[in-house]
Structures are given as C-alpha cells and as structure tokens.
C-alpha cells in the first residue's frame, strides 16, 4: 500500500489529560513541567498515585446520557466534539456515512464489570440487581460507538485493541482508511478509563511495576535510577484527520502532516519489551517517511518508569540514532502518568505545538539519570528552544509485544 498518498493532515485536536482539558493549557503545563498527578483511594486496593481528568462532562451530552454510557464514552464524546470545534469543522461538512471513528483502547469493560460485581455484593450477590446496560457498556466498540451516536455519524466505527500502543495504532488506522478511500474524514485517537479499575493497579503492583513516591507528582520518573514503576492515568485524545487537498480547500489550520508510521511485534514475552523489535519499528517508520534518523528534531519516548522498559527503549533509540546530535529527546508520562490506550496520541498532541513555538517540552522527576538510559540531547526540567522543528517521532509500545511509531512533519 502507498504510505505517502494521498497526504493526510491533522486539523483538529480534542483532549482530556490529568492536567488539562484543552491543547493550549496542556502545552503550557508540559512546558513548565506542571504535574497534577494525585492520590486515588481505590476500593479493595487502597491509595495509589493516579492521573484523573477534570473536564466538562456535560458540555456535549446530558448527565443522564453519561450515566447510561461509560466513562470511556464520556471522555471520547468530549474529545471528539472538542476536536471538531478546534478544526472549525461542522459534522455535516462531510457526508456522515463517509466519516470513520477509530478509537484505541488498552482494555475495556473491566471497570463496568468490577462495578457491577461490587454492586451485587451489596445484595448478597443477587444477579437481579445486575444492570441491563452492562452488555452495551462492555462491548469493545463502546467508546467509538458512543461517539457516533452523539454526533450522528453513520460511517464505520470500531476500536483498536493494541495495549498501550493503541492510540498510535488508531491514528494509523484512520490514515490507512483514508488512503484506501474508505472514508473522507476520520476521528482517530485513544481513550483510557483505567483509573476506574482496582484490578489494573493490583496487577501492576503484583508485577512490581506500580510507581510510588511520597509526593504522587514524583511517582512517575522515567530514566531515574530510583524509578519503580507506572503511574496509571485516565485520559483521551481525538484528532480530526483530513486529506490535505480537502483541508486546504476549506482553509483549515494544519497542525501536522502524517509523514510515516509502523507497527510490529516482539513475538517474545507477555510483558518484557525487546529493543531489537522497537528499533526495527522506528527504522520502518523512518523508511516510509523518507527520512534519516538525523532528520528527526524531537523524539518523544514511550518510557513508563519501569526498570527494564526504559532501558530497552533507550537501547533501541541508541541503535537507530547513535549519537543523535540533531534529535532532542523528551518524555510526557513523567508529567501526566501513563494514559494507556490514550498515551501515544496524548503525548504526540503535547509536542505538536513545537512546530510553531520551537520548544521541546521537558521530562521531569529525573534527579539521577540511569547510565543505561543516557542518550544525547535528553531534555530535563526546562524546555529547550531549537532553531527549527520540522519533524517529530512518537514511540508507543505495549504489552504482549506490540510496538508502534508515528512520525509527523510540519506542513509547508
């Protein structure tokens, strides 16, 4: 398949992150390293650092609709509408049957099931108290479907289950469907409602991979010698994708052009990442973009703050970029935590304004850099201003060995 034409651009961004509900505020807080990770007291589990979103949940649908739907759907509906508003695009500009909705998820249904099991436990496990809304809430396509119902979109909708690479995978899917001529516009991105599930926290703790610190804002510390795991966050980010000629025709602002992408599999382990396959994924994305490693201005790392995960990614980056004199490296999770299925797209969104302001937002919480994670041009604590920013590479990797890489470039 031709991975260069037609040219696909991002014209709208809608997001909800643990520290912002719009791109402008989000960017400001990333540049200043403002983390709003807090402590969450979970049923059965207890207290743990977590990233919780604060956004206007009834801006685009009523409280009753949110109650019938899911937290993931609520996040998705908000972000999809915000993306359209940001793109200054009416839903009727394109034929509704020619709009696709593609949403990346790490998991779905766990939150609803846990809640229902708890609910019937209050009634001696009498299943008569089990909600009849459970099935539509837990089917995997739910968040994407809730977006279509809210906006009246009759084109295809589905969810991409790709662990923590899902946001990038969904963005790739939107690009591919547009290049295949299946749709004329796409709403693509990722959603995470994972902070609603005590099981996710318990599982990471059982693996020895749940981040902790006296101050929850310091619990996610990729690359630091004292890092001890992941900070679970909820969040969402949806993009408006259009063909370049269509965007230009309507006078749209263009955030970025999709330059290249790749996905592959480690085929090695359920949990542990593998730098060789990650390196191959970056190499393929660069090849498809027609770029060399030295052409990349910003590389946003996936690094989650786990011991081996950070080391493996740094090995992969070192393998492809070598000394990397032209490439500046940052990390977004240190500020917002790990938003699972929304991670890749939220992290990419936080870097998109660099095409205009030429600033590389910093990673935070790295007080003692692990020698095995040392790379050239790592940006810590304060932003770095570059002479130009024309390209951004975004890594996003997930459990069961799935890797994704997106490269975007400044539209000229």
Protein backbone atom coordinates (compact mmCIF):
# COMPACT_ATOMS: atom_id res chain seq x y z
CA UNK A 1 0.00 0.00 0.00
CA UNK A 2 1.16 3.52 -0.81
CA UNK A 3 2.07 5.09 2.54
CA UNK A 4 2.59 8.59 1.15
CA UNK A 5 -0.53 9.48 -0.82
CA UNK A 6 -2.96 10.96 -0.52
CA UNK A 7 -1.35 13.23 2.05
CA UNK A 8 -3.16 13.16 5.41
CA UNK A 9 -3.07 16.04 7.89
CA UNK A 10 -4.22 16.73 11.45
CA UNK A 11 -6.60 19.71 11.54
CA UNK A 12 -8.20 19.37 14.97
CA UNK A 13 -7.20 18.18 18.44
CA UNK A 14 -9.52 17.45 21.36
CA UNK A 15 -8.09 16.15 24.61
CA UNK A 16 -8.61 15.49 28.29
CA UNK A 17 -5.43 14.91 30.29
CA UNK A 18 -4.76 14.73 34.04
CA UNK A 19 -3.56 18.35 33.93
CA UNK A 20 -5.70 20.00 31.21
CA UNK A 21 -8.85 19.77 29.08
CA UNK A 22 -7.55 21.63 26.01
CA UNK A 23 -4.35 21.74 23.98
CA UNK A 24 -3.35 25.31 24.90
CA UNK A 25 -3.40 24.68 28.67
CA UNK A 26 -1.91 21.24 28.21
CA UNK A 27 1.04 22.65 26.28
CA UNK A 28 1.62 25.37 28.88
CA UNK A 29 1.73 22.82 31.69
CA UNK A 30 4.04 20.48 29.78
CA UNK A 31 6.46 23.32 29.09
CA UNK A 32 6.56 24.26 32.76
CA UNK A 33 6.56 20.66 33.99
CA UNK A 34 3.34 21.02 35.95
CA UNK A 35 2.12 17.60 37.04
CA UNK A 36 -1.27 17.21 38.67
CA UNK A 37 -0.92 13.53 39.49
CA UNK A 38 -2.80 12.96 42.71
CA UNK A 39 -3.52 10.13 45.13
CA UNK A 40 -6.52 7.90 44.48
CA UNK A 41 -8.15 5.72 47.15
CA UNK A 42 -9.32 2.59 45.35
CA UNK A 43 -11.91 0.10 46.51
CA UNK A 44 -10.20 -3.05 47.86
CA UNK A 45 -6.76 -1.77 46.90
CA UNK A 46 -6.10 1.38 48.91
CA UNK A 47 -4.19 4.51 47.94
CA UNK A 48 -2.01 4.92 44.86
CA UNK A 49 -0.76 7.76 42.63
CA UNK A 50 -3.06 8.31 39.65
CA UNK A 51 -3.89 10.80 36.94
CA UNK A 52 -7.53 11.95 36.94
CA UNK A 53 -9.11 14.17 34.29
CA UNK A 54 -11.18 17.23 35.13
CA UNK A 55 -13.31 18.31 32.16
CA UNK A 56 -16.85 19.48 31.44
CA UNK A 57 -18.61 16.11 31.28
CA UNK A 58 -21.98 17.59 30.31
CA UNK A 59 -20.75 20.01 27.65
CA UNK A 60 -21.79 17.75 24.77
CA UNK A 61 -24.30 15.36 26.31
CA UNK A 62 -26.61 15.28 29.31
CA UNK A 63 -25.86 13.76 32.69
CA UNK A 64 -28.48 11.07 32.03
CA UNK A 65 -26.68 10.02 28.82
CA UNK A 66 -23.34 9.87 30.64
CA UNK A 67 -24.92 7.70 33.33
CA UNK A 68 -26.23 5.25 30.76
CA UNK A 69 -22.91 5.21 28.92
CA UNK A 70 -19.35 4.71 30.15
CA UNK A 71 -16.51 6.83 31.44
CA UNK A 72 -14.57 5.93 28.29
CA UNK A 73 -17.50 7.02 26.16
CA UNK A 74 -17.82 10.26 28.11
CA UNK A 75 -14.14 11.04 27.52
CA UNK A 76 -14.42 10.10 23.85
CA UNK A 77 -17.52 12.20 23.20
CA UNK A 78 -15.96 15.23 24.86
CA UNK A 79 -12.71 14.93 22.90
CA UNK A 80 -14.37 14.22 19.54
CA UNK A 81 -16.56 17.31 19.84
CA UNK A 82 -13.61 19.41 21.01
CA UNK A 83 -11.56 18.19 18.04
CA UNK A 84 -14.30 19.20 15.59
CA UNK A 85 -14.63 22.61 17.26
CA UNK A 86 -10.87 23.07 17.17
CA UNK A 87 -10.87 22.19 13.47
CA UNK A 88 -13.70 24.69 12.90
CA UNK A 89 -15.47 21.84 11.15
CA UNK A 90 -19.19 21.14 11.02
CA UNK A 91 -20.09 17.46 11.20
CA UNK A 92 -22.09 17.99 8.01
CA UNK A 93 -19.13 19.30 6.00
CA UNK A 94 -18.51 15.68 5.02
CA UNK A 95 -21.19 13.10 4.30
CA UNK A 96 -21.85 11.41 7.65
CA UNK A 97 -21.63 7.95 6.08
CA UNK A 98 -18.12 8.84 4.88
CA UNK A 99 -16.72 9.67 8.33
CA UNK A 100 -14.84 6.97 10.24
CA UNK A 101 -14.35 6.76 14.00
CA UNK A 102 -11.31 4.80 15.21
CA UNK A 103 -10.53 4.65 18.92
CA UNK A 104 -7.55 2.94 20.56
CA UNK A 105 -8.02 1.11 23.87
CA UNK A 106 -5.75 -0.84 26.17
CA UNK A 107 -8.73 -2.58 27.76
CA UNK A 108 -12.46 -2.02 28.11
CA UNK A 109 -15.22 -3.50 30.23
CA UNK A 110 -13.13 -4.13 33.33
CA UNK A 111 -14.38 -1.00 35.08
CA UNK A 112 -18.04 -1.77 34.40
CA UNK A 113 -17.72 -5.40 35.42
CA UNK A 114 -15.90 -4.58 38.65
CA UNK A 115 -18.58 -2.02 39.49
CA UNK A 116 -21.41 -4.48 38.89
CA UNK A 117 -19.79 -7.25 40.91
CA UNK A 118 -19.37 -4.79 43.77
CA UNK A 119 -22.98 -3.65 43.37
CA UNK A 120 -24.48 -7.14 43.64
CA UNK A 121 -22.17 -7.89 46.57
CA UNK A 122 -24.29 -5.39 48.50
CA UNK A 123 -27.32 -7.59 47.80
CA UNK A 124 -25.85 -11.00 48.66
CA UNK A 125 -24.78 -11.44 45.02
CA UNK A 126 -28.35 -11.47 43.74
CA UNK A 127 -27.95 -11.04 39.97
CA UNK A 128 -31.39 -9.45 39.77
CA UNK A 129 -29.51 -6.27 40.70
CA UNK A 130 -27.13 -6.58 37.75
CA UNK A 131 -27.73 -3.70 35.31
CA UNK A 132 -29.27 -4.39 31.91
CA UNK A 133 -26.89 -1.76 30.49
CA UNK A 134 -23.86 -4.00 31.14
CA UNK A 135 -23.55 -5.63 27.71
CA UNK A 136 -23.57 -2.45 25.59
CA UNK A 137 -21.25 -0.81 28.10
CA UNK A 138 -18.66 -3.57 27.91
CA UNK A 139 -18.51 -4.43 24.20
CA UNK A 140 -15.13 -3.35 22.89
CA UNK A 141 -16.52 -0.91 20.32
CA UNK A 142 -18.43 1.01 23.00
CA UNK A 143 -16.40 4.26 23.18
CA UNK A 144 -16.26 4.62 19.40
CA UNK A 145 -19.96 3.78 19.16
CA UNK A 146 -20.87 6.37 21.78
CA UNK A 147 -19.09 9.00 19.66
CA UNK A 148 -21.08 8.03 16.55
CA UNK A 149 -24.38 8.15 18.44
CA UNK A 150 -23.59 11.54 19.89
CA UNK A 151 -22.57 13.06 16.55
CA UNK A 152 -24.90 11.13 14.26
CA UNK A 153 -22.02 9.60 12.30
CA UNK A 154 -23.14 6.65 10.16
CA UNK A 155 -19.76 5.64 8.74
CA UNK A 156 -17.63 2.83 10.20
CA UNK A 157 -16.64 2.84 13.85
CA UNK A 158 -14.50 0.40 15.75
CA UNK A 159 -11.90 0.09 18.43
CA UNK A 160 -8.26 -0.87 18.01
CA UNK A 161 -7.11 -3.08 20.89
CA UNK A 162 -3.35 -2.66 20.90
CA UNK A 163 -2.43 -2.39 24.56
CA UNK A 164 -0.52 0.83 25.24
CA UNK A 165 0.30 1.24 21.54
CA UNK A 166 -3.43 1.60 20.79
CA UNK A 167 -3.59 5.38 20.41
CA UNK A 168 -0.92 5.36 17.73
CA UNK A 169 -2.48 2.27 16.15
CA UNK A 170 -5.83 4.02 15.88
CA UNK A 171 -4.24 7.06 14.28
CA UNK A 172 -2.52 4.76 11.78
CA UNK A 173 -5.84 3.04 11.08
CA UNK A 174 -7.51 6.37 10.34
CA UNK A 175 -4.74 7.31 7.91
CA UNK A 176 -4.92 3.95 6.16
CA UNK A 177 -8.71 4.02 5.77
CA UNK A 178 -8.50 7.47 4.21
CA UNK A 179 -5.76 6.39 1.83
CA UNK A 180 -7.80 3.37 0.83
CA UNK A 181 -10.73 5.66 0.05
CA UNK A 182 -12.98 4.05 2.65
CA UNK A 183 -13.73 7.38 4.36
CA UNK A 184 -13.28 11.08 3.61
CA UNK A 185 -12.58 12.21 7.17
CA UNK A 186 -11.63 10.40 10.35
CA UNK A 187 -11.89 10.95 14.07
CA UNK A 188 -8.99 8.92 15.42
CA UNK A 189 -7.29 8.68 18.78
CA UNK A 190 -7.32 6.84 22.08
CA UNK A 191 -9.15 6.63 25.41
CA UNK A 192 -8.24 5.35 28.86
CA UNK A 193 -10.66 4.85 31.76
CA UNK A 194 -8.21 2.60 33.59
CA UNK A 195 -8.16 4.53 36.87
CA UNK A 196 -11.65 3.13 37.50
CA UNK A 197 -10.30 -0.41 37.82
CA UNK A 198 -8.66 -1.55 41.04
CA UNK A 199 -7.58 -4.70 39.18
CA UNK A 200 -5.19 -2.74 36.97
CA UNK A 201 -3.48 -1.22 39.99
CA UNK A 202 -3.37 -4.56 41.81
CA UNK A 203 -1.90 -6.29 38.77
CA UNK A 204 0.85 -3.72 38.28
CA UNK A 205 1.67 -3.98 41.97
CA UNK A 206 1.80 -7.77 41.73
CA UNK A 207 4.28 -7.37 38.86
CA UNK A 208 6.40 -4.98 40.94
CA UNK A 209 5.66 -2.28 38.38
CA UNK A 210 3.39 0.21 40.17
CA UNK A 211 5.07 3.56 40.70
CA UNK A 212 5.13 5.16 44.14
CA UNK A 213 6.56 8.20 45.92
CA UNK A 214 5.85 10.29 49.00
CA UNK A 215 4.66 13.03 46.62
CA UNK A 216 2.41 11.44 43.95
CA UNK A 217 3.61 14.04 41.44
CA UNK A 218 7.06 12.44 41.64
CA UNK A 219 5.89 8.84 41.32
CA UNK A 220 6.43 8.67 37.54
CA UNK A 221 10.15 9.16 36.98
CA UNK A 222 11.37 7.59 33.75
CA UNK A 223 15.15 7.17 33.37
CA UNK A 224 15.84 7.91 37.05
CA UNK A 225 17.84 5.31 38.96
CA UNK A 226 15.11 5.20 41.64
CA UNK A 227 12.22 4.63 39.21
CA UNK A 228 9.91 1.90 40.43
CA UNK A 229 7.02 1.68 38.00
CA UNK A 230 4.00 3.06 36.20
CA UNK A 231 1.55 5.73 37.31
CA UNK A 232 -1.90 4.81 35.98
CA UNK A 233 -3.81 7.70 34.38
CA UNK A 234 -7.07 8.19 32.58
CA UNK A 235 -7.29 10.44 29.56
CA UNK A 236 -8.28 10.78 25.93
CA UNK A 237 -7.22 12.49 22.73
CA UNK A 238 -9.06 12.53 19.41
CA UNK A 239 -7.75 14.02 16.16
CA UNK A 240 -9.56 15.25 13.08
CA UNK A 241 -7.81 13.74 10.07
CA UNK A 242 -8.40 15.13 6.58
CA UNK A 243 -6.87 14.78 3.17
CA UNK A 244 -4.54 17.69 2.50
CA UNK A 245 -6.43 18.93 -0.54
CA UNK A 246 -9.74 18.92 1.38
CA UNK A 247 -8.19 20.77 4.31
CA UNK A 248 -6.66 23.40 2.04
CA UNK A 249 -9.90 23.81 0.15
CA UNK A 250 -11.78 24.81 3.29
CA UNK A 251 -8.92 26.94 4.64
CA UNK A 252 -8.23 24.74 7.66
CA UNK A 253 -5.33 25.26 10.03
CA UNK A 254 -2.94 22.34 9.80
CA UNK A 255 -1.17 21.08 12.91
CA UNK A 256 0.93 18.46 11.15
CA UNK A 257 1.16 16.07 8.26
CA UNK A 258 1.44 12.34 8.86
CA UNK A 259 4.85 11.51 7.40
CA UNK A 260 5.38 7.86 8.34
CA UNK A 261 4.29 5.09 10.65
CA UNK A 262 4.99 1.49 11.52
CA UNK A 263 3.81 -1.32 13.76
CA UNK A 264 5.38 -4.67 14.56
CA UNK A 265 5.52 -7.40 17.20
CA UNK A 266 8.26 -8.57 19.57
CA UNK A 267 6.97 -12.17 19.45
CA UNK A 268 8.97 -12.73 22.61
CA UNK A 269 7.32 -12.09 26.00
CA UNK A 270 3.98 -11.17 27.58
CA UNK A 271 5.34 -8.19 29.49
CA UNK A 272 9.04 -7.53 28.85
CA UNK A 273 9.80 -5.28 25.86
CA UNK A 274 12.50 -6.05 23.31
CA UNK A 275 14.75 -3.31 21.93
CA UNK A 276 15.55 -5.10 18.65
CA UNK A 277 11.92 -5.04 17.50
CA UNK A 278 11.43 -1.49 18.78
CA UNK A 279 14.44 -0.40 16.74
CA UNK A 280 13.05 -2.16 13.66
CA UNK A 281 9.74 -0.36 14.14
CA UNK A 282 11.43 3.06 14.24
CA UNK A 283 13.56 2.12 11.24
CA UNK A 284 10.50 1.15 9.18
CA UNK A 285 8.63 4.35 10.09
CA UNK A 286 11.65 6.41 9.04
CA UNK A 287 11.91 4.48 5.78
CA UNK A 288 8.24 5.06 4.98
CA UNK A 289 8.61 8.75 5.80
CA UNK A 290 11.65 9.01 3.53
CA UNK A 291 13.69 10.35 6.44
CA UNK A 292 17.03 9.55 8.05
CA UNK A 293 17.47 9.48 11.85
CA UNK A 294 19.32 12.81 11.71
CA UNK A 295 16.20 14.39 10.17
CA UNK A 296 14.18 13.93 13.36
CA UNK A 297 14.06 17.01 15.56
CA UNK A 298 12.06 15.68 18.55
CA UNK A 299 11.70 12.10 19.74
CA UNK A 300 9.02 11.57 22.39
CA UNK A 301 9.80 8.40 24.30
CA UNK A 302 7.32 5.80 25.48
CA UNK A 303 9.31 5.26 28.70
CA UNK A 304 6.93 4.42 31.55
CA UNK A 305 9.28 4.42 34.53
CA UNK A 306 9.80 0.67 34.73
CA UNK A 307 13.36 -0.56 35.19
CA UNK A 308 13.77 -2.74 32.13
CA UNK A 309 11.28 -0.98 29.89
CA UNK A 310 13.17 2.31 29.94
CA UNK A 311 16.50 0.56 29.31
CA UNK A 312 15.17 -1.43 26.34
CA UNK A 313 13.76 1.66 24.65
CA UNK A 314 16.99 3.58 25.18
CA UNK A 315 18.92 0.67 23.63
CA UNK A 316 16.59 0.83 20.61
CA UNK A 317 17.00 4.59 20.25
CA UNK A 318 20.77 4.28 20.56
CA UNK A 319 20.75 1.56 17.90
CA UNK A 320 18.93 3.76 15.37
CA UNK A 321 20.04 7.28 16.30
CA UNK A 322 23.56 6.66 17.56
CA UNK A 323 24.96 9.93 18.89
CA UNK A 324 21.75 11.66 17.79
CA UNK A 325 23.23 15.13 17.59
CA UNK A 326 20.21 16.62 15.80
CA UNK A 327 17.49 14.85 17.78
CA UNK A 328 16.16 16.07 21.15
CA UNK A 329 14.54 13.52 23.44
CA UNK A 330 11.74 14.07 25.93
CA UNK A 331 9.08 12.17 27.85
CA UNK A 332 5.49 13.15 28.61
CA UNK A 333 4.48 10.40 31.06
CA UNK A 334 6.74 11.91 33.72
CA UNK A 335 4.20 14.77 33.84
CA UNK A 336 0.83 13.13 33.14
CA UNK A 337 1.41 9.46 34.01
CA UNK A 338 0.57 6.57 31.71
CA UNK A 339 -2.78 7.03 29.95
CA UNK A 340 -2.64 3.54 28.45
CA UNK A 341 -4.67 3.47 25.19
CA UNK A 342 -4.58 7.28 25.01
CA UNK A 343 -0.86 7.56 25.80
CA UNK A 344 0.58 7.77 22.29
CA UNK A 345 -1.91 10.31 20.96
CA UNK A 346 -1.85 12.46 24.11
CA UNK A 347 1.93 12.53 24.04
CA UNK A 348 2.03 13.40 20.35
CA UNK A 349 -0.52 16.18 20.91
CA UNK A 350 1.65 17.71 23.63
CA UNK A 351 4.52 18.01 21.17
CA UNK A 352 2.61 19.29 18.10
CA UNK A 353 2.82 22.98 19.13
CA UNK A 354 6.62 22.69 18.86
CA UNK A 355 6.21 23.22 15.12
CA UNK A 356 5.18 26.78 15.99
CA UNK A 357 6.97 27.66 19.23
CA UNK A 358 10.12 25.56 18.51
CA UNK A 359 10.26 24.38 22.13
CA UNK A 360 10.97 20.84 23.32
CA UNK A 361 8.97 20.28 26.48
CA UNK A 362 10.98 18.68 29.30
CA UNK A 363 10.80 15.40 31.16
CA UNK A 364 10.63 15.82 34.93
CA UNK A 365 11.48 13.82 38.07
CA UNK A 366 14.84 12.53 36.82
CA UNK A 367 17.27 13.53 39.54
CA UNK A 368 19.81 10.77 38.97
CA UNK A 369 19.98 9.58 35.37
CA UNK A 370 20.45 5.83 34.98
CA UNK A 371 23.68 5.38 32.94
CA UNK A 372 21.91 2.67 30.90
CA UNK A 373 19.31 5.24 29.84
CA UNK A 374 21.71 8.03 28.91
CA UNK A 375 21.18 9.48 25.44
CA UNK A 376 22.36 12.66 23.77
CA UNK A 377 20.11 15.71 23.97
CA UNK A 378 17.74 14.45 26.66
CA UNK A 379 15.63 17.38 27.84
CA UNK A 380 15.02 17.59 31.60
CA UNK A 381 13.26 20.13 33.84
CA UNK A 382 13.31 23.10 31.45
CA UNK A 383 12.26 23.38 27.79
CA UNK A 384 14.91 23.71 25.11
CA UNK A 385 14.40 26.08 22.18
CA UNK A 386 15.54 24.85 18.78
CA UNK A 387 16.30 26.82 15.63
CA UNK A 388 13.60 24.83 13.85
CA UNK A 389 11.23 21.94 14.45
CA UNK A 390 10.15 20.18 11.27
CA UNK A 391 9.70 16.56 12.42
CA UNK A 392 8.52 14.67 15.50
CA UNK A 393 8.80 10.93 16.12
CA UNK A 394 6.50 9.39 18.72
CA UNK A 395 7.11 5.95 20.26
CA UNK A 396 4.33 3.92 21.83
CA UNK A 397 4.79 0.30 22.91
CA UNK A 398 2.55 -2.19 24.68
CA UNK A 399 2.22 -5.50 26.49
CA UNK A 400 2.32 -8.80 24.63
CA UNK A 401 5.00 -7.23 22.47
CA UNK A 402 3.24 -4.66 20.28
CA UNK A 403 5.15 -1.62 19.01
CA UNK A 404 4.00 1.50 17.17
CA UNK A 405 5.79 4.57 15.83
CA UNK A 406 4.27 7.70 14.30
CA UNK A 407 6.27 10.41 12.52
CA UNK A 408 4.68 13.77 11.79
CA UNK A 409 6.14 16.72 9.98
CA UNK A 410 5.43 20.41 9.77
CA UNK A 411 3.22 21.25 6.82
CA UNK A 412 4.99 23.59 4.42
